[in-house]
Amino acid sequence: MSAVPRQYNVDSPEELGRRIRAARKAQGLTQVDLAEIAGVGPRFLSELERGKDTVRLGLTLKIARLVGIDLFAIPRGAETGR
C-alpha cells in the first residue's frame, strides 16, 4: 500500500515559495545547487522562494518539478479522484 502524498492549497506566491524552499532543503540542496540544476540564477531562485510575484511562471513550474512538486489546476468543489 503506497502512501498518498500530502496535498496543500497553494493560494499565493509566498506559499508556493515556502513549499519549494522546504522541498529543496529536504533534498539537501542549496539555492546555488538548485539554480545550477534548473539553469537559472541564484537571485531568481531566492526571489521565487520569498514569494516575489513577478517571477516567470515557466521557470517556476520547472523548479517545482525539479524538487518533486506537482501542481494541479483543480476547479474548486471538484472531486480529485483520490
PDB file of N, CA and C in Angstrom:
ATOM      1  N   MET A   1       0.839  -1.175   0.000  1.00  0.00           N
ATOM      2  CA  MET A   1       0.000   0.000   0.000  1.00  0.00           C
ATOM      3  C   MET A   1       0.887   1.242   0.000  1.00  0.00           C
ATOM      4  N   SER A   2       0.736   2.101  -1.003  1.00  0.00           N
ATOM      5  CA  SER A   2       1.565   3.301  -1.070  1.00  0.00           C
ATOM      6  C   SER A   2       0.851   4.470  -0.395  1.00  0.00           C
ATOM      7  N   ALA A   3       1.649   5.314   0.208  1.00  0.00           N
ATOM      8  CA  ALA A   3       1.101   6.472   0.902  1.00  0.00           C
ATOM      9  C   ALA A   3       0.689   7.537  -0.102  1.00  0.00           C
ATOM     10  N   VAL A   4      -0.417   8.180   0.169  1.00  0.00           N
ATOM     11  CA  VAL A   4      -0.871   9.284  -0.668  1.00  0.00           C
ATOM     12  C   VAL A   4      -0.104  10.527  -0.239  1.00  0.00           C
ATOM     13  N   PRO A   5       0.539  11.218  -1.195  1.00  0.00           N
ATOM     14  CA  PRO A   5       1.290  12.409  -0.821  1.00  0.00           C
ATOM     15  C   PRO A   5       0.358  13.470  -0.236  1.00  0.00           C
ATOM     16  N   ARG A   6       0.872  14.209   0.714  1.00  0.00           N
ATOM     17  CA  ARG A   6       0.084  15.279   1.329  1.00  0.00           C
ATOM     18  C   ARG A   6      -0.144  16.385   0.310  1.00  0.00           C
ATOM     19  N   GLN A   7      -1.354  16.892   0.285  1.00  0.00           N
ATOM     20  CA  GLN A   7      -1.697  17.974  -0.640  1.00  0.00           C
ATOM     21  C   GLN A   7      -1.860  19.273   0.128  1.00  0.00           C
ATOM     22  N   TYR A   8      -1.413  20.352  -0.476  1.00  0.00           N
ATOM     23  CA  TYR A   8      -1.507  21.675   0.125  1.00  0.00           C
ATOM     24  C   TYR A   8      -2.218  22.614  -0.834  1.00  0.00           C
ATOM     25  N   ASN A   9      -3.002  23.509  -0.289  1.00  0.00           N
ATOM     26  CA  ASN A   9      -3.622  24.548  -1.089  1.00  0.00           C
ATOM     27  C   ASN A   9      -2.603  25.677  -1.244  1.00  0.00           C
ATOM     28  N   VAL A  10      -2.157  25.888  -2.448  1.00  0.00           N
ATOM     29  CA  VAL A  10      -1.201  26.956  -2.716  1.00  0.00           C
ATOM     30  C   VAL A  10      -1.990  28.110  -3.319  1.00  0.00           C
ATOM     31  N   ASP A  11      -2.194  29.141  -2.507  1.00  0.00           N
ATOM     32  CA  ASP A  11      -3.040  30.244  -2.957  1.00  0.00           C
ATOM     33  C   ASP A  11      -2.313  31.580  -3.044  1.00  0.00           C
ATOM     34  N   SER A  12      -0.990  31.523  -2.977  1.00  0.00           N
ATOM     35  CA  SER A  12      -0.217  32.765  -3.096  1.00  0.00           C
ATOM     36  C   SER A  12       1.203  32.435  -3.541  1.00  0.00           C
ATOM     37  N   PRO A  13       1.883  33.427  -4.122  1.00  0.00           N
ATOM     38  CA  PRO A  13       3.283  33.215  -4.475  1.00  0.00           C
ATOM     39  C   PRO A  13       4.134  32.873  -3.250  1.00  0.00           C
ATOM     40  N   GLU A  14       3.792  33.470  -2.113  1.00  0.00           N
ATOM     41  CA  GLU A  14       4.550  33.209  -0.887  1.00  0.00           C
ATOM     42  C   GLU A  14       4.434  31.748  -0.466  1.00  0.00           C
ATOM     43  N   GLU A  15       3.227  31.194  -0.553  1.00  0.00           N
ATOM     44  CA  GLU A  15       3.017  29.796  -0.169  1.00  0.00           C
ATOM     45  C   GLU A  15       3.770  28.857  -1.111  1.00  0.00           C
ATOM     46  N   LEU A  16       3.720  29.121  -2.401  1.00  0.00           N
ATOM     47  CA  LEU A  16       4.462  28.285  -3.344  1.00  0.00           C
ATOM     48  C   LEU A  16       5.957  28.389  -3.062  1.00  0.00           C
ATOM     49  N   GLY A  17       6.443  29.574  -2.791  1.00  0.00           N
ATOM     50  CA  GLY A  17       7.858  29.754  -2.462  1.00  0.00           C
ATOM     51  C   GLY A  17       8.260  28.963  -1.231  1.00  0.00           C
ATOM     52  N   ARG A  18       7.406  28.976  -0.201  1.00  0.00           N
ATOM     53  CA  ARG A  18       7.699  28.204   1.020  1.00  0.00           C
ATOM     54  C   ARG A  18       7.761  26.713   0.716  1.00  0.00           C
ATOM     55  N   ARG A  19       6.859  26.220  -0.108  1.00  0.00           N
ATOM     56  CA  ARG A  19       6.841  24.790  -0.449  1.00  0.00           C
ATOM     57  C   ARG A  19       8.071  24.399  -1.249  1.00  0.00           C
ATOM     58  N   ILE A  20       8.472  25.250  -2.176  1.00  0.00           N
ATOM     59  CA  ILE A  20       9.666  24.965  -2.975  1.00  0.00           C
ATOM     60  C   ILE A  20      10.903  24.983  -2.077  1.00  0.00           C
ATOM     61  N   ARG A  21      10.998  25.970  -1.192  1.00  0.00           N
ATOM     62  CA  ARG A  21      12.146  26.045  -0.274  1.00  0.00           C
ATOM     63  C   ARG A  21      12.221  24.793   0.598  1.00  0.00           C
ATOM     64  N   ALA A  22      11.089  24.387   1.152  1.00  0.00           N
ATOM     65  CA  ALA A  22      11.077  23.208   2.029  1.00  0.00           C
ATOM     66  C   ALA A  22      11.493  21.952   1.264  1.00  0.00           C
ATOM     67  N   ALA A  23      11.001  21.805   0.042  1.00  0.00           N
ATOM     68  CA  ALA A  23      11.356  20.627  -0.759  1.00  0.00           C
ATOM     69  C   ALA A  23      12.839  20.650  -1.124  1.00  0.00           C
ATOM     70  N   ARG A  24      13.358  21.829  -1.457  1.00  0.00           N
ATOM     71  CA  ARG A  24      14.783  21.948  -1.795  1.00  0.00           C
ATOM     72  C   ARG A  24      15.644  21.547  -0.599  1.00  0.00           C
ATOM     73  N   LYS A  25      15.302  22.083   0.561  1.00  0.00           N
ATOM     74  CA  LYS A  25      16.080  21.780   1.762  1.00  0.00           C
ATOM     75  C   LYS A  25      15.968  20.310   2.144  1.00  0.00           C
ATOM     76  N   ALA A  26      14.779  19.723   1.961  1.00  0.00           N
ATOM     77  CA  ALA A  26      14.591  18.305   2.275  1.00  0.00           C
ATOM     78  C   ALA A  26      15.474  17.424   1.397  1.00  0.00           C
ATOM     79  N   GLN A  27      15.823  17.914   0.210  1.00  0.00           N
ATOM     80  CA  GLN A  27      16.701  17.167  -0.692  1.00  0.00           C
ATOM     81  C   GLN A  27      18.171  17.515  -0.476  1.00  0.00           C
ATOM     82  N   GLY A  28      18.447  18.373   0.491  1.00  0.00           N
ATOM     83  CA  GLY A  28      19.831  18.733   0.799  1.00  0.00           C
ATOM     84  C   GLY A  28      20.476  19.640  -0.230  1.00  0.00           C
ATOM     85  N   LEU A  29      19.679  20.395  -0.959  1.00  0.00           N
ATOM     86  CA  LEU A  29      20.203  21.292  -1.984  1.00  0.00           C
ATOM     87  C   LEU A  29      20.290  22.717  -1.458  1.00  0.00           C
ATOM     88  N   THR A  30      21.348  23.411  -1.844  1.00  0.00           N
ATOM     89  CA  THR A  30      21.421  24.841  -1.572  1.00  0.00           C
ATOM     90  C   THR A  30      20.703  25.571  -2.703  1.00  0.00           C
ATOM     91  N   GLN A  31      20.474  26.858  -2.510  1.00  0.00           N
ATOM     92  CA  GLN A  31      19.880  27.638  -3.599  1.00  0.00           C
ATOM     93  C   GLN A  31      20.799  27.631  -4.817  1.00  0.00           C
ATOM     94  N   VAL A  32      22.083  27.721  -4.595  1.00  0.00           N
ATOM     95  CA  VAL A  32      23.040  27.716  -5.710  1.00  0.00           C
ATOM     96  C   VAL A  32      22.975  26.379  -6.453  1.00  0.00           C
ATOM     97  N   ASP A  33      22.909  25.265  -5.702  1.00  0.00           N
ATOM     98  CA  ASP A  33      22.805  23.937  -6.330  1.00  0.00           C
ATOM     99  C   ASP A  33      21.587  23.862  -7.243  1.00  0.00           C
ATOM    100  N   LEU A  34      20.423  24.208  -6.685  1.00  0.00           N
ATOM    101  CA  LEU A  34      19.181  24.091  -7.455  1.00  0.00           C
ATOM    102  C   LEU A  34      19.159  25.068  -8.621  1.00  0.00           C
ATOM    103  N   ALA A  35      19.667  26.263  -8.418  1.00  0.00           N
ATOM    104  CA  ALA A  35      19.721  27.238  -9.509  1.00  0.00           C
ATOM    105  C   ALA A  35      20.539  26.695 -10.674  1.00  0.00           C
ATOM    106  N   GLU A  36      21.678  26.072 -10.366  1.00  0.00           N
ATOM    107  CA  GLU A  36      22.512  25.494 -11.431  1.00  0.00           C
ATOM    108  C   GLU A  36      21.787  24.366 -12.144  1.00  0.00           C
ATOM    109  N   ILE A  37      21.128  23.487 -11.395  1.00  0.00           N
ATOM    110  CA  ILE A  37      20.396  22.374 -11.996  1.00  0.00           C
ATOM    111  C   ILE A  37      19.275  22.894 -12.895  1.00  0.00           C
ATOM    112  N   ALA A  38      18.578  23.936 -12.443  1.00  0.00           N
ATOM    113  CA  ALA A  38      17.436  24.475 -13.179  1.00  0.00           C
ATOM    114  C   ALA A  38      17.846  25.413 -14.307  1.00  0.00           C
ATOM    115  N   GLY A  39      19.108  25.833 -14.314  1.00  0.00           N
ATOM    116  CA  GLY A  39      19.563  26.753 -15.351  1.00  0.00           C
ATOM    117  C   GLY A  39      19.063  28.180 -15.132  1.00  0.00           C
ATOM    118  N   VAL A  40      18.932  28.565 -13.863  1.00  0.00           N
ATOM    119  CA  VAL A  40      18.525  29.924 -13.523  1.00  0.00           C
ATOM    120  C   VAL A  40      19.569  30.515 -12.585  1.00  0.00           C
ATOM    121  N   GLY A  41      19.481  31.792 -12.363  1.00  0.00           N
ATOM    122  CA  GLY A  41      20.394  32.431 -11.436  1.00  0.00           C
ATOM    123  C   GLY A  41      19.937  32.259  -9.995  1.00  0.00           C
ATOM    124  N   PRO A  42      20.876  32.294  -9.050  1.00  0.00           N
ATOM    125  CA  PRO A  42      20.505  32.187  -7.636  1.00  0.00           C
ATOM    126  C   PRO A  42      19.546  33.295  -7.195  1.00  0.00           C
ATOM    127  N   ARG A  43      19.677  34.479  -7.784  1.00  0.00           N
ATOM    128  CA  ARG A  43      18.770  35.576  -7.433  1.00  0.00           C
ATOM    129  C   ARG A  43      17.332  35.228  -7.792  1.00  0.00           C
ATOM    130  N   PHE A  44      17.125  34.633  -8.984  1.00  0.00           N
ATOM    131  CA  PHE A  44      15.773  34.231  -9.376  1.00  0.00           C
ATOM    132  C   PHE A  44      15.198  33.253  -8.357  1.00  0.00           C
ATOM    133  N   LEU A  45      15.984  32.264  -7.982  1.00  0.00           N
ATOM    134  CA  LEU A  45      15.503  31.258  -7.033  1.00  0.00           C
ATOM    135  C   LEU A  45      15.216  31.884  -5.673  1.00  0.00           C
ATOM    136  N   SER A  46      16.057  32.780  -5.237  1.00  0.00           N
ATOM    137  CA  SER A  46      15.828  33.469  -3.975  1.00  0.00           C
ATOM    138  C   SER A  46      14.518  34.256  -4.003  1.00  0.00           C
ATOM    139  N   GLU A  47      14.287  34.966  -5.092  1.00  0.00           N
ATOM    140  CA  GLU A  47      13.047  35.734  -5.224  1.00  0.00           C
ATOM    141  C   GLU A  47      11.830  34.818  -5.278  1.00  0.00           C
ATOM    142  N   LEU A  48      11.964  33.694  -5.955  1.00  0.00           N
ATOM    143  CA  LEU A  48      10.870  32.722  -6.020  1.00  0.00           C
ATOM    144  C   LEU A  48      10.541  32.202  -4.628  1.00  0.00           C
ATOM    145  N   GLU A  49      11.550  31.819  -3.880  1.00  0.00           N
ATOM    146  CA  GLU A  49      11.328  31.275  -2.544  1.00  0.00           C
ATOM    147  C   GLU A  49      10.781  32.324  -1.576  1.00  0.00           C
ATOM    148  N   ARG A  50      11.033  33.584  -1.841  1.00  0.00           N
ATOM    149  CA  ARG A  50      10.494  34.651  -0.994  1.00  0.00           C
ATOM    150  C   ARG A  50       9.101  35.079  -1.436  1.00  0.00           C
ATOM    151  N   GLY A  51       8.611  34.502  -2.532  1.00  0.00           N
ATOM    152  CA  GLY A  51       7.246  34.789  -2.974  1.00  0.00           C
ATOM    153  C   GLY A  51       7.093  36.014  -3.837  1.00  0.00           C
ATOM    154  N   LYS A  52       8.169  36.465  -4.446  1.00  0.00           N
ATOM    155  CA  LYS A  52       8.060  37.624  -5.334  1.00  0.00           C
ATOM    156  C   LYS A  52       7.116  37.253  -6.468  1.00  0.00           C
ATOM    157  N   ASP A  53       6.071  38.059  -6.641  1.00  0.00           N
ATOM    158  CA  ASP A  53       5.038  37.674  -7.596  1.00  0.00           C
ATOM    159  C   ASP A  53       5.327  38.080  -9.033  1.00  0.00           C
ATOM    160  N   THR A  54       6.526  38.547  -9.313  1.00  0.00           N
ATOM    161  CA  THR A  54       6.869  38.893 -10.691  1.00  0.00           C
ATOM    162  C   THR A  54       7.774  37.854 -11.340  1.00  0.00           C
ATOM    163  N   VAL A  55       8.028  36.728 -10.646  1.00  0.00           N
ATOM    164  CA  VAL A  55       8.882  35.700 -11.239  1.00  0.00           C
ATOM    165  C   VAL A  55       8.162  35.046 -12.416  1.00  0.00           C
ATOM    166  N   ARG A  56       8.919  34.431 -13.313  1.00  0.00           N
ATOM    167  CA  ARG A  56       8.351  33.830 -14.522  1.00  0.00           C
ATOM    168  C   ARG A  56       7.722  32.485 -14.218  1.00  0.00           C
ATOM    169  N   LEU A  57       6.495  32.299 -14.684  1.00  0.00           N
ATOM    170  CA  LEU A  57       5.731  31.092 -14.398  1.00  0.00           C
ATOM    171  C   LEU A  57       6.402  29.841 -14.957  1.00  0.00           C
ATOM    172  N   GLY A  58       6.890  29.888 -16.184  1.00  0.00           N
ATOM    173  CA  GLY A  58       7.518  28.709 -16.777  1.00  0.00           C
ATOM    174  C   GLY A  58       8.705  28.214 -15.968  1.00  0.00           C
ATOM    175  N   LEU A  59       9.547  29.128 -15.537  1.00  0.00           N
ATOM    176  CA  LEU A  59      10.697  28.744 -14.726  1.00  0.00           C
ATOM    177  C   LEU A  59      10.255  28.271 -13.348  1.00  0.00           C
ATOM    178  N   THR A  60       9.225  28.894 -12.813  1.00  0.00           N
ATOM    179  CA  THR A  60       8.688  28.473 -11.517  1.00  0.00           C
ATOM    180  C   THR A  60       8.206  27.034 -11.589  1.00  0.00           C
ATOM    181  N   LEU A  61       7.463  26.697 -12.625  1.00  0.00           N
ATOM    182  CA  LEU A  61       6.969  25.328 -12.789  1.00  0.00           C
ATOM    183  C   LEU A  61       8.117  24.339 -12.964  1.00  0.00           C
ATOM    184  N   LYS A  62       9.153  24.733 -13.696  1.00  0.00           N
ATOM    185  CA  LYS A  62      10.318  23.861 -13.895  1.00  0.00           C
ATOM    186  C   LYS A  62      10.988  23.567 -12.562  1.00  0.00           C
ATOM    187  N   ILE A  63      11.191  24.587 -11.755  1.00  0.00           N
ATOM    188  CA  ILE A  63      11.841  24.399 -10.459  1.00  0.00           C
ATOM    189  C   ILE A  63      10.972  23.538  -9.551  1.00  0.00           C
ATOM    190  N   ALA A  64       9.671  23.769  -9.551  1.00  0.00           N
ATOM    191  CA  ALA A  64       8.767  22.948  -8.732  1.00  0.00           C
ATOM    192  C   ALA A  64       8.909  21.479  -9.114  1.00  0.00           C
ATOM    193  N   ARG A  65       8.923  21.191 -10.405  1.00  0.00           N
ATOM    194  CA  ARG A  65       9.077  19.795 -10.855  1.00  0.00           C
ATOM    195  C   ARG A  65      10.421  19.215 -10.411  1.00  0.00           C
ATOM    196  N   LEU A  66      11.476  20.019 -10.496  1.00  0.00           N
ATOM    197  CA  LEU A  66      12.808  19.534 -10.129  1.00  0.00           C
ATOM    198  C   LEU A  66      12.905  19.135  -8.664  1.00  0.00           C
ATOM    199  N   VAL A  67      12.135  19.777  -7.796  1.00  0.00           N
ATOM    200  CA  VAL A  67      12.177  19.416  -6.375  1.00  0.00           C
ATOM    201  C   VAL A  67      11.044  18.463  -6.002  1.00  0.00           C
ATOM    202  N   GLY A  68      10.339  17.952  -7.013  1.00  0.00           N
ATOM    203  CA  GLY A  68       9.330  16.931  -6.756  1.00  0.00           C
ATOM    204  C   GLY A  68       7.945  17.446  -6.412  1.00  0.00           C
ATOM    205  N   ILE A  69       7.642  18.673  -6.798  1.00  0.00           N
ATOM    206  CA  ILE A  69       6.317  19.226  -6.547  1.00  0.00           C
ATOM    207  C   ILE A  69       5.532  19.248  -7.852  1.00  0.00           C
ATOM    208  N   ASP A  70       4.382  18.572  -7.853  1.00  0.00           N
ATOM    209  CA  ASP A  70       3.476  18.605  -8.999  1.00  0.00           C
ATOM    210  C   ASP A  70       2.351  19.575  -8.689  1.00  0.00           C
ATOM    211  N   LEU A  71       2.036  20.418  -9.644  1.00  0.00           N
ATOM    212  CA  LEU A  71       0.954  21.381  -9.464  1.00  0.00           C
ATOM    213  C   LEU A  71      -0.224  20.963 -10.338  1.00  0.00           C
ATOM    214  N   PHE A  72      -1.411  21.065  -9.765  1.00  0.00           N
ATOM    215  CA  PHE A  72      -2.626  20.703 -10.473  1.00  0.00           C
ATOM    216  C   PHE A  72      -3.602  21.871 -10.441  1.00  0.00           C
ATOM    217  N   ALA A  73      -4.309  22.066 -11.514  1.00  0.00           N
ATOM    218  CA  ALA A  73      -5.378  23.063 -11.546  1.00  0.00           C
ATOM    219  C   ALA A  73      -6.687  22.298 -11.402  1.00  0.00           C
ATOM    220  N   ILE A  74      -7.240  22.329 -10.197  1.00  0.00           N
ATOM    221  CA  ILE A  74      -8.462  21.591  -9.905  1.00  0.00           C
ATOM    222  C   ILE A  74      -9.558  22.602  -9.598  1.00  0.00           C
ATOM    223  N   PRO A  75     -10.637  22.578 -10.356  1.00  0.00           N
ATOM    224  CA  PRO A  75     -11.719  23.525 -10.073  1.00  0.00           C
ATOM    225  C   PRO A  75     -12.217  23.355  -8.639  1.00  0.00           C
ATOM    226  N   ARG A  76     -12.479  24.464  -7.972  1.00  0.00           N
ATOM    227  CA  ARG A  76     -12.994  24.402  -6.604  1.00  0.00           C
ATOM    228  C   ARG A  76     -14.269  23.578  -6.562  1.00  0.00           C
ATOM    229  N   GLY A  77     -14.347  22.713  -5.568  1.00  0.00           N
ATOM    230  CA  GLY A  77     -15.536  21.890  -5.390  1.00  0.00           C
ATOM    231  C   GLY A  77     -15.528  20.613  -6.216  1.00  0.00           C
ATOM    232  N   ALA A  78     -14.530  20.435  -7.079  1.00  0.00           N
ATOM    233  CA  ALA A  78     -14.445  19.238  -7.912  1.00  0.00           C
ATOM    234  C   ALA A  78     -13.807  18.103  -7.119  1.00  0.00           C
ATOM    235  N   GLU A  79     -14.215  16.893  -7.388  1.00  0.00           N
ATOM    236  CA  GLU A  79     -13.615  15.719  -6.772  1.00  0.00           C
ATOM    237  C   GLU A  79     -12.234  15.514  -7.371  1.00  0.00           C
ATOM    238  N   THR A  80     -11.265  15.111  -6.534  1.00  0.00           N
ATOM    239  CA  THR A  80      -9.904  14.899  -7.026  1.00  0.00           C
ATOM    240  C   THR A  80      -9.704  13.506  -7.575  1.00  0.00           C
ATOM    241  N   GLY A  81     -10.643  12.593  -7.319  1.00  0.00           N
ATOM    242  CA  GLY A  81     -10.500  11.246  -7.823  1.00  0.00           C
ATOM    243  C   GLY A  81      -9.573  10.388  -6.992  1.00  0.00           C
ATOM    244  N   ARG A  82      -9.183  10.874  -5.817  1.00  0.00           N
ATOM    245  CA  ARG A  82      -8.285  10.113  -4.945  1.00  0.00           C
ATOM    246  C   ARG A  82      -9.003   9.649  -3.714  1.00  0.00           C
TER     247      ARG A  82
END
